[in-house]
Amino acid sequence: MRRLIFLLSIIFMNLSHLSHAEAKNLQAYIDNPEVVGEARLKMFFFKIYDASLIAQNGVFVDDQPFALKLKYLRDFDGKDIASRSIDEMRKQGMEDEVKLAKWFQQMKQLFPNVKEGQTITGIVDANQVSHFYFDSQHLGKVEDKEFSKWFFNIWLAENTSQPDMRLALIGKSK
């Protein structure tokens, strides 16, 4: 019993900035989820979102389950979030316009309009399926391994448009 209480207290400490529902959602996909790193995206003088990368034991391994939580610091239209995601995938080198159009439609249907302070969390499970949550409510999933790779590479690939953010998220800040 003491060991169980000890383990639960460790989990609670590592996820203390998450709501109970968010922590429960993460634990459904990730064993012992812990924050790997955090970063803030700013464009010019505008704060866009705070990002947190969460993985097993706080160690990111790209072929293992992980989550990326974005807490928005401004209001955004869901369609604009989907469109910007497609633009970033193109910058990463994705050239298949048929797939990009399909993914845009899927994201446009999944992503809601967000207000300041709301979150969208993307979780990649052990099968490389992407699950999306709005605050703690399940939005849906995209069962395309290639989508998971290209979408999360927006933040996690070496050739991301935000290399300092990537380093902070994966826990390797300069």
Protein backbone atom coordinates (compact mmCIF):
# COMPACT_ATOMS: atom_id res chain seq x y z
CA MET A 1 0.00 0.00 0.00
CA ARG A 2 2.83 2.40 0.83
CA ARG A 3 4.41 1.70 -2.53
CA LEU A 4 1.13 2.47 -4.33
CA ILE A 5 0.77 5.74 -2.45
CA PHE A 6 4.40 6.58 -3.24
CA LEU A 7 3.93 5.85 -6.96
CA LEU A 8 0.71 7.87 -7.10
CA SER A 9 2.40 10.81 -5.39
CA ILE A 10 5.23 10.73 -7.96
CA ILE A 11 2.73 10.69 -10.81
CA PHE A 12 0.79 13.54 -9.22
CA MET A 13 3.94 15.64 -8.78
CA ASN A 14 5.03 15.10 -12.38
CA LEU A 15 1.62 15.97 -13.78
CA SER A 16 0.63 18.56 -11.18
CA HIS A 17 0.15 21.27 -13.78
CA LEU A 18 -2.38 19.07 -15.60
CA SER A 19 -5.98 18.60 -14.59
CA HIS A 20 -7.09 15.22 -13.26
CA ALA A 21 -8.90 14.52 -16.55
CA GLU A 22 -5.84 15.46 -18.63
CA ALA A 23 -3.59 13.22 -16.55
CA LYS A 24 -6.08 10.36 -16.90
CA ASN A 25 -6.20 10.83 -20.69
CA LEU A 26 -2.41 10.73 -20.91
CA GLN A 27 -2.14 7.63 -18.73
CA ALA A 28 -4.45 5.78 -21.14
CA TYR A 29 -1.70 5.99 -23.79
CA ILE A 30 1.58 6.63 -21.98
CA ASP A 31 3.04 4.65 -19.06
CA ASN A 32 4.27 7.00 -16.33
CA PRO A 33 3.78 10.21 -18.36
CA GLU A 34 6.10 13.05 -17.40
CA VAL A 35 6.90 16.39 -18.96
CA VAL A 36 10.03 16.23 -21.13
CA GLY A 37 10.23 19.94 -21.89
CA GLU A 38 8.23 23.13 -22.33
CA ALA A 39 8.48 26.16 -24.60
CA ARG A 40 6.55 29.26 -25.64
CA LEU A 41 5.94 30.21 -29.27
CA LYS A 42 6.07 33.94 -29.95
CA MET A 43 5.69 35.62 -33.31
CA PHE A 44 7.02 39.17 -33.28
CA PHE A 45 5.51 40.61 -30.08
CA PHE A 46 2.61 38.17 -29.89
CA LYS A 47 2.48 35.16 -27.59
CA ILE A 48 0.87 32.29 -29.55
CA TYR A 49 0.94 29.22 -27.25
CA ASP A 50 2.79 27.38 -24.54
CA ALA A 51 3.82 23.87 -25.57
CA SER A 52 4.59 20.85 -23.38
CA LEU A 53 6.01 17.56 -24.61
CA ILE A 54 5.06 14.59 -22.43
CA ALA A 55 6.51 11.08 -22.68
CA GLN A 56 7.15 7.97 -20.63
CA ASN A 57 9.39 8.80 -17.65
CA GLY A 58 10.01 12.23 -19.19
CA VAL A 59 12.17 10.80 -21.99
CA PHE A 60 11.15 11.44 -25.60
CA VAL A 61 11.71 8.58 -28.05
CA ASP A 62 10.06 9.32 -31.40
CA ASP A 63 8.72 5.81 -32.00
CA GLN A 64 7.20 5.54 -28.49
CA PRO A 65 3.91 7.09 -27.26
CA PHE A 66 4.08 10.79 -26.47
CA ALA A 67 1.85 13.84 -26.22
CA LEU A 68 2.17 17.45 -27.27
CA LYS A 69 -0.02 19.89 -25.37
CA LEU A 70 -0.58 23.39 -26.75
CA LYS A 71 -2.11 25.94 -24.41
CA TYR A 72 -3.25 28.82 -26.58
CA LEU A 73 -2.46 32.36 -25.48
CA ARG A 74 -4.70 33.95 -28.13
CA ASP A 75 -7.98 33.11 -29.85
CA PHE A 76 -7.71 31.11 -33.10
CA ASP A 77 -10.12 29.66 -35.61
CA GLY A 78 -9.81 25.86 -35.93
CA LYS A 79 -9.63 26.14 -39.73
CA ASP A 80 -6.64 28.49 -39.37
CA ILE A 81 -4.89 26.01 -37.07
CA ALA A 82 -5.41 23.27 -39.68
CA SER A 83 -4.21 25.53 -42.50
CA ARG A 84 -1.07 26.59 -40.62
CA SER A 85 -0.34 22.92 -39.86
CA ILE A 86 -0.48 22.09 -43.57
CA ASP A 87 1.82 25.02 -44.36
CA GLU A 88 4.34 23.74 -41.80
CA MET A 89 4.16 20.19 -43.21
CA ARG A 90 4.98 21.60 -46.66
CA LYS A 91 7.96 23.47 -45.18
CA GLN A 92 9.11 20.13 -43.70
CA GLY A 93 9.14 18.69 -47.24
CA MET A 94 5.76 16.97 -47.58
CA GLU A 95 4.87 17.28 -51.26
CA ASP A 96 1.92 14.90 -51.69
CA GLU A 97 -0.90 17.41 -52.26
CA VAL A 98 -3.57 14.70 -52.26
CA LYS A 99 -2.58 13.59 -48.75
CA LEU A 100 -2.21 17.18 -47.57
CA ALA A 101 -5.74 17.97 -48.80
CA LYS A 102 -7.10 14.89 -47.02
CA TRP A 103 -5.26 15.78 -43.81
CA PHE A 104 -6.46 19.38 -44.01
CA GLN A 105 -10.07 18.18 -44.17
CA GLN A 106 -9.53 15.83 -41.22
CA MET A 107 -7.91 18.55 -39.11
CA LYS A 108 -10.52 21.10 -40.11
CA GLN A 109 -13.20 18.73 -38.79
CA LEU A 110 -11.24 17.91 -35.62
CA PHE A 111 -9.86 21.24 -34.46
CA PRO A 112 -12.31 23.60 -32.80
CA ASN A 113 -12.01 27.34 -32.50
CA VAL A 114 -9.91 28.05 -29.42
CA LYS A 115 -10.04 30.87 -26.91
CA GLU A 116 -7.14 32.12 -24.85
CA GLY A 117 -6.33 29.59 -22.12
CA GLN A 118 -7.79 26.55 -23.90
CA THR A 119 -5.68 23.58 -24.94
CA ILE A 120 -5.39 21.11 -27.76
CA THR A 121 -3.39 18.00 -26.92
CA GLY A 122 -2.22 15.55 -29.54
CA ILE A 123 -1.24 12.09 -28.36
CA VAL A 124 0.57 9.52 -30.48
CA ASP A 125 -0.18 6.01 -29.25
CA ALA A 126 1.92 2.83 -29.55
CA ASN A 127 0.46 2.19 -33.04
CA GLN A 128 1.38 5.72 -34.21
CA VAL A 129 -2.29 6.77 -34.29
CA SER A 130 -2.88 10.43 -33.40
CA HIS A 131 -5.58 11.22 -30.82
CA PHE A 132 -6.68 14.79 -30.18
CA TYR A 133 -8.21 16.36 -27.09
CA PHE A 134 -9.70 19.83 -26.60
CA ASP A 135 -9.05 20.67 -22.98
CA SER A 136 -9.95 17.18 -21.67
CA GLN A 137 -12.61 16.28 -24.24
CA HIS A 138 -11.73 13.73 -26.92
CA LEU A 139 -12.06 15.28 -30.39
CA GLY A 140 -11.19 12.25 -32.48
CA LYS A 141 -8.24 10.52 -34.07
CA VAL A 142 -6.33 10.22 -37.31
CA GLU A 143 -5.37 6.62 -38.03
CA ASP A 144 -2.58 7.40 -40.47
CA LYS A 145 0.99 6.77 -39.31
CA GLU A 146 2.32 9.10 -41.98
CA PHE A 147 0.07 11.90 -40.74
CA SER A 148 1.38 11.38 -37.20
CA LYS A 149 4.96 11.67 -38.42
CA TRP A 150 4.43 14.81 -40.51
CA PHE A 151 2.12 16.56 -38.06
CA PHE A 152 4.30 16.17 -34.97
CA ASN A 153 7.46 16.86 -36.95
CA ILE A 154 6.19 20.44 -37.13
CA TRP A 155 7.57 20.73 -33.59
CA LEU A 156 9.92 17.77 -33.22
CA ALA A 157 11.90 17.36 -36.47
CA GLU A 158 15.43 18.68 -36.74
CA ASN A 159 14.37 20.88 -39.68
CA THR A 160 11.44 22.48 -37.81
CA SER A 161 10.85 26.18 -38.38
CA GLN A 162 11.29 26.66 -34.60
CA PRO A 163 14.60 24.90 -33.71
CA ASP A 164 14.98 26.54 -30.27
CA MET A 165 11.44 25.46 -29.36
CA ARG A 166 12.25 21.91 -30.46
CA LEU A 167 15.35 21.79 -28.27
CA ALA A 168 13.37 23.04 -25.26
CA LEU A 169 10.58 20.53 -25.88
CA ILE A 170 12.90 17.52 -26.17
CA GLY A 171 14.80 18.66 -23.08
CA LYS A 172 18.01 19.72 -24.82
CA SER A 173 17.90 23.52 -24.57
CA LYS A 174 21.12 25.33 -25.33
